[in-house]
Amino acid sequence: MGELANILSYGPRAWVAGNYSAPADSILAVVAAIIYFLSPFDLIPDAIPVFGLIDDAGLIACVARANVTAISNFRKWEILFSGDFPFARH
């Protein structure tokens, strides 16, 4: 889940900075999910222990599942252009 959180936060920032080109609907879905996650107004209030986070996690899972190809493409781009490519020659 940690890597997914990094991708969902860094992906839109790379897109806004003009470093990465992603489908606009994918970026919109990710940004909407982040806003929903951070918003105090939820389907199930976050004040309710455990159940309050279930709707947030479910929405993020749905967005991730709907954008598997875009997330995979972004991860490949990130590996190739960040210097973390496993076979890079230094």
N, C-alpha and C. Protein backbone atom coordinates (compact mmCIF):
# COMPACT_ATOMS: atom_id res chain seq x y z
N MET A 1 0.83 -1.19 0.00
CA MET A 1 0.00 0.00 0.00
C MET A 1 0.87 1.25 0.00
N GLY A 2 2.07 1.17 0.57
CA GLY A 2 2.96 2.33 0.62
C GLY A 2 3.39 2.79 -0.76
N GLU A 3 3.71 1.83 -1.65
CA GLU A 3 4.12 2.21 -2.99
C GLU A 3 2.95 2.83 -3.75
N LEU A 4 1.76 2.30 -3.55
CA LEU A 4 0.59 2.87 -4.19
C LEU A 4 0.35 4.30 -3.72
N ALA A 5 0.53 4.54 -2.43
CA ALA A 5 0.37 5.90 -1.90
C ALA A 5 1.38 6.85 -2.53
N ASN A 6 2.62 6.38 -2.70
CA ASN A 6 3.64 7.22 -3.34
C ASN A 6 3.27 7.53 -4.78
N ILE A 7 2.80 6.53 -5.50
CA ILE A 7 2.42 6.73 -6.89
C ILE A 7 1.22 7.68 -7.00
N LEU A 8 0.24 7.50 -6.11
CA LEU A 8 -0.95 8.36 -6.16
C LEU A 8 -0.66 9.79 -5.75
N SER A 9 0.42 10.00 -5.00
CA SER A 9 0.75 11.38 -4.64
C SER A 9 1.75 11.99 -5.61
N TYR A 10 2.72 11.21 -6.08
CA TYR A 10 3.75 11.76 -6.98
C TYR A 10 3.25 11.86 -8.42
N GLY A 11 2.38 10.95 -8.83
CA GLY A 11 1.88 10.97 -10.21
C GLY A 11 1.24 12.28 -10.61
N PRO A 12 0.26 12.76 -9.85
CA PRO A 12 -0.34 14.05 -10.22
C PRO A 12 0.66 15.22 -10.17
N ARG A 13 1.59 15.18 -9.21
CA ARG A 13 2.59 16.26 -9.14
C ARG A 13 3.49 16.24 -10.37
N ALA A 14 3.89 15.06 -10.84
CA ALA A 14 4.72 14.97 -12.04
C ALA A 14 3.93 15.43 -13.26
N TRP A 15 2.63 15.15 -13.28
CA TRP A 15 1.78 15.58 -14.38
C TRP A 15 1.63 17.10 -14.40
N VAL A 16 1.38 17.70 -13.23
CA VAL A 16 1.21 19.16 -13.14
C VAL A 16 2.52 19.86 -13.52
N ALA A 17 3.65 19.31 -13.11
CA ALA A 17 4.95 19.91 -13.42
C ALA A 17 5.31 19.75 -14.89
N GLY A 18 4.54 18.95 -15.63
CA GLY A 18 4.83 18.75 -17.04
C GLY A 18 5.89 17.69 -17.29
N ASN A 19 6.25 16.93 -16.27
CA ASN A 19 7.27 15.90 -16.42
C ASN A 19 6.72 14.59 -16.95
N TYR A 20 5.42 14.38 -16.81
CA TYR A 20 4.81 13.11 -17.21
C TYR A 20 3.46 13.39 -17.85
N SER A 21 3.17 12.68 -18.91
CA SER A 21 1.89 12.83 -19.59
C SER A 21 1.01 11.63 -19.25
N ALA A 22 -0.09 11.90 -18.59
CA ALA A 22 -1.01 10.84 -18.20
C ALA A 22 -2.40 11.20 -18.70
N PRO A 23 -3.26 10.20 -18.87
CA PRO A 23 -4.63 10.50 -19.28
C PRO A 23 -5.31 11.42 -18.26
N ALA A 24 -5.98 12.43 -18.75
CA ALA A 24 -6.62 13.41 -17.86
C ALA A 24 -7.65 12.77 -16.95
N ASP A 25 -8.38 11.77 -17.43
CA ASP A 25 -9.38 11.13 -16.58
C ASP A 25 -8.74 10.37 -15.43
N SER A 26 -7.57 9.80 -15.66
CA SER A 26 -6.85 9.11 -14.58
C SER A 26 -6.39 10.10 -13.53
N ILE A 27 -5.84 11.21 -13.96
CA ILE A 27 -5.38 12.24 -13.02
C ILE A 27 -6.56 12.80 -12.25
N LEU A 28 -7.67 13.05 -12.93
CA LEU A 28 -8.85 13.58 -12.26
C LEU A 28 -9.37 12.60 -11.20
N ALA A 29 -9.39 11.31 -11.52
CA ALA A 29 -9.85 10.31 -10.57
C ALA A 29 -8.94 10.25 -9.35
N VAL A 30 -7.63 10.32 -9.56
CA VAL A 30 -6.68 10.27 -8.45
C VAL A 30 -6.82 11.52 -7.57
N VAL A 31 -6.91 12.67 -8.19
CA VAL A 31 -7.06 13.92 -7.42
C VAL A 31 -8.38 13.90 -6.63
N ALA A 32 -9.46 13.43 -7.25
CA ALA A 32 -10.73 13.34 -6.55
C ALA A 32 -10.65 12.38 -5.36
N ALA A 33 -9.95 11.26 -5.54
CA ALA A 33 -9.80 10.29 -4.44
C ALA A 33 -8.98 10.89 -3.30
N ILE A 34 -7.94 11.64 -3.63
CA ILE A 34 -7.11 12.27 -2.60
C ILE A 34 -7.94 13.30 -1.83
N ILE A 35 -8.71 14.11 -2.56
CA ILE A 35 -9.56 15.11 -1.90
C ILE A 35 -10.58 14.43 -1.00
N TYR A 36 -11.19 13.36 -1.49
CA TYR A 36 -12.17 12.63 -0.67
C TYR A 36 -11.51 12.06 0.58
N PHE A 37 -10.31 11.51 0.42
CA PHE A 37 -9.60 10.92 1.55
C PHE A 37 -9.27 11.98 2.60
N LEU A 38 -8.88 13.16 2.17
CA LEU A 38 -8.50 14.23 3.10
C LEU A 38 -9.70 15.00 3.65
N SER A 39 -10.83 14.90 2.98
CA SER A 39 -12.03 15.63 3.38
C SER A 39 -12.64 15.05 4.66
N PRO A 40 -13.10 15.92 5.55
CA PRO A 40 -13.77 15.42 6.76
C PRO A 40 -15.19 14.93 6.48
N PHE A 41 -15.74 15.23 5.31
CA PHE A 41 -17.09 14.82 4.94
C PHE A 41 -17.03 13.55 4.11
N ASP A 42 -17.41 12.44 4.71
CA ASP A 42 -17.35 11.14 4.06
C ASP A 42 -18.71 10.47 4.09
N LEU A 43 -18.83 9.40 3.32
CA LEU A 43 -20.02 8.57 3.37
C LEU A 43 -20.19 7.99 4.77
N ILE A 44 -19.08 7.49 5.32
CA ILE A 44 -19.04 7.02 6.71
C ILE A 44 -18.02 7.92 7.42
N PRO A 45 -18.45 8.69 8.43
CA PRO A 45 -17.52 9.62 9.10
C PRO A 45 -16.29 8.91 9.67
N ASP A 46 -15.13 9.57 9.53
CA ASP A 46 -13.87 9.00 10.01
C ASP A 46 -13.84 8.85 11.52
N ALA A 47 -14.73 9.53 12.23
CA ALA A 47 -14.78 9.45 13.69
C ALA A 47 -15.25 8.08 14.17
N ILE A 48 -15.90 7.34 13.29
CA ILE A 48 -16.35 5.98 13.65
C ILE A 48 -15.14 5.05 13.49
N PRO A 49 -14.67 4.46 14.60
CA PRO A 49 -13.47 3.61 14.54
C PRO A 49 -13.60 2.50 13.49
N VAL A 50 -12.55 2.26 12.79
CA VAL A 50 -12.38 1.25 11.74
C VAL A 50 -13.30 1.51 10.55
N PHE A 51 -14.61 1.57 10.76
CA PHE A 51 -15.54 1.72 9.65
C PHE A 51 -15.41 3.07 8.95
N GLY A 52 -14.92 4.06 9.68
CA GLY A 52 -14.76 5.38 9.10
C GLY A 52 -13.74 5.44 7.99
N LEU A 53 -12.78 4.55 8.03
CA LEU A 53 -11.74 4.53 6.99
C LEU A 53 -12.05 3.54 5.88
N ILE A 54 -13.05 2.70 6.08
CA ILE A 54 -13.37 1.69 5.07
C ILE A 54 -13.81 2.34 3.76
N ASP A 55 -14.64 3.37 3.82
CA ASP A 55 -15.08 4.00 2.58
C ASP A 55 -13.91 4.69 1.88
N ASP A 56 -12.99 5.28 2.65
CA ASP A 56 -11.81 5.91 2.05
C ASP A 56 -10.94 4.86 1.34
N ALA A 57 -10.67 3.78 2.04
CA ALA A 57 -9.84 2.71 1.46
C ALA A 57 -10.52 2.08 0.25
N GLY A 58 -11.83 1.92 0.33
CA GLY A 58 -12.57 1.36 -0.80
C GLY A 58 -12.51 2.24 -2.03
N LEU A 59 -12.64 3.53 -1.83
CA LEU A 59 -12.58 4.46 -2.96
C LEU A 59 -11.18 4.45 -3.59
N ILE A 60 -10.16 4.48 -2.76
CA ILE A 60 -8.79 4.45 -3.29
C ILE A 60 -8.53 3.14 -4.03
N ALA A 61 -9.02 2.03 -3.50
CA ALA A 61 -8.86 0.74 -4.18
C ALA A 61 -9.58 0.73 -5.53
N CYS A 62 -10.77 1.31 -5.58
CA CYS A 62 -11.52 1.37 -6.85
C CYS A 62 -10.79 2.23 -7.88
N VAL A 63 -10.27 3.37 -7.44
CA VAL A 63 -9.52 4.24 -8.36
C VAL A 63 -8.26 3.53 -8.85
N ALA A 64 -7.56 2.86 -7.94
CA ALA A 64 -6.35 2.14 -8.34
C ALA A 64 -6.68 1.02 -9.32
N ARG A 65 -7.74 0.27 -9.05
CA ARG A 65 -8.14 -0.83 -9.91
C ARG A 65 -8.56 -0.32 -11.29
N ALA A 66 -9.25 0.80 -11.32
CA ALA A 66 -9.72 1.35 -12.59
C ALA A 66 -8.57 1.93 -13.42
N ASN A 67 -7.45 2.22 -12.77
CA ASN A 67 -6.33 2.85 -13.47
C ASN A 67 -5.05 2.01 -13.41
N VAL A 68 -5.21 0.69 -13.41
CA VAL A 68 -4.05 -0.20 -13.31
C VAL A 68 -3.05 0.06 -14.43
N THR A 69 -3.54 0.21 -15.64
CA THR A 69 -2.64 0.44 -16.77
C THR A 69 -1.91 1.77 -16.63
N ALA A 70 -2.62 2.82 -16.27
CA ALA A 70 -1.98 4.13 -16.11
C ALA A 70 -0.97 4.10 -14.97
N ILE A 71 -1.29 3.43 -13.88
CA ILE A 71 -0.36 3.33 -12.75
C ILE A 71 0.87 2.53 -13.15
N SER A 72 0.67 1.44 -13.87
CA SER A 72 1.80 0.62 -14.34
C SER A 72 2.70 1.42 -15.28
N ASN A 73 2.09 2.17 -16.20
CA ASN A 73 2.89 2.99 -17.12
C ASN A 73 3.66 4.07 -16.37
N PHE A 74 3.02 4.67 -15.37
CA PHE A 74 3.72 5.69 -14.58
C PHE A 74 4.89 5.08 -13.83
N ARG A 75 4.68 3.91 -13.24
CA ARG A 75 5.76 3.24 -12.49
C ARG A 75 6.94 2.92 -13.40
N LYS A 76 6.65 2.46 -14.62
CA LYS A 76 7.73 2.18 -15.58
C LYS A 76 8.49 3.46 -15.92
N TRP A 77 7.74 4.55 -16.15
CA TRP A 77 8.36 5.84 -16.45
C TRP A 77 9.23 6.30 -15.29
N GLU A 78 8.69 6.15 -14.08
CA GLU A 78 9.42 6.58 -12.89
C GLU A 78 10.72 5.81 -12.73
N ILE A 79 10.69 4.51 -12.97
CA ILE A 79 11.90 3.69 -12.85
C ILE A 79 12.92 4.08 -13.91
N LEU A 80 12.45 4.26 -15.15
CA LEU A 80 13.38 4.58 -16.24
C LEU A 80 14.01 5.95 -16.12
N PHE A 81 13.28 6.93 -15.61
CA PHE A 81 13.78 8.29 -15.60
C PHE A 81 14.21 8.81 -14.24
N SER A 82 14.13 7.99 -13.20
CA SER A 82 14.54 8.46 -11.87
C SER A 82 15.95 8.04 -11.52
N GLY A 83 16.56 7.20 -12.33
CA GLY A 83 17.90 6.71 -11.99
C GLY A 83 17.86 5.45 -11.15
N ASP A 84 16.66 4.93 -10.86
CA ASP A 84 16.54 3.70 -10.07
C ASP A 84 16.47 2.46 -10.96
N PHE A 85 16.67 2.65 -12.25
CA PHE A 85 16.60 1.52 -13.17
C PHE A 85 17.66 0.51 -12.76
N PRO A 86 17.28 -0.75 -12.57
CA PRO A 86 18.21 -1.73 -12.00
C PRO A 86 19.46 -2.00 -12.82
N PHE A 87 19.40 -1.74 -14.13
CA PHE A 87 20.55 -2.05 -14.98
C PHE A 87 21.23 -0.80 -15.51
N ALA A 88 21.01 0.32 -14.86
CA ALA A 88 21.60 1.58 -15.33
C ALA A 88 23.12 1.55 -15.14
N ARG A 89 23.80 2.11 -16.10
CA ARG A 89 25.26 2.20 -16.02
C ARG A 89 25.63 3.56 -15.47
N HIS A 90 26.42 3.55 -14.45
CA HIS A 90 26.83 4.83 -13.82
C HIS A 90 28.27 5.12 -14.11
